[in-house]
């Protein structure tokens, strides 16, 4: 049996090259999706901190000591609660300056993993604190990723900001 190698070798080389090209394309797709998810998680973390900062801007009196949520009264008389519910940021506002109590709930889908409030300077009582540090951690879901080898990956991001209690400090005699 006489086999001609010059007829068999080129299709094998071509097949190996095609497999290499598909593997490289799959790797590029997976890494670009991971980069996009990393950027999105950081944007969500930054957005959560910005939303909290805008809501706390009108704070006059803390109604409860914050830990994973914060409840306060604004200088307009509204009661506001900011909390994490599952992976969403929920802002509940009860308008106190109207004749009837109107409750407005806003839900921001931000992939939250953790939400923490702490007084600044650290260790001081909340009634004496003039700053609050907000720490937000976001995390993607494993089904958001492109995975060719059944890995369970998640991507996370962290954002932290110190917020000054402008109205609270101004209302102290």
Foldseek 3Di string as FASTA:
>chain_A
DDDDPVVVPVVVVVVVVVVVVVVVVLVVVQVVLVVVQQVLQQVLQVVVVVVVQVVLQQFAAWPDDFFQKTWGAGPQGKIWIWHQDQQWIKIWIFRDNDPDTDIDIDIGRRQWDGWTKAFPPGPDDPLPGQKIKIKTKHKDFQVSGDDDPPDRDMHMDMDMDIHGNVNNVVPDD
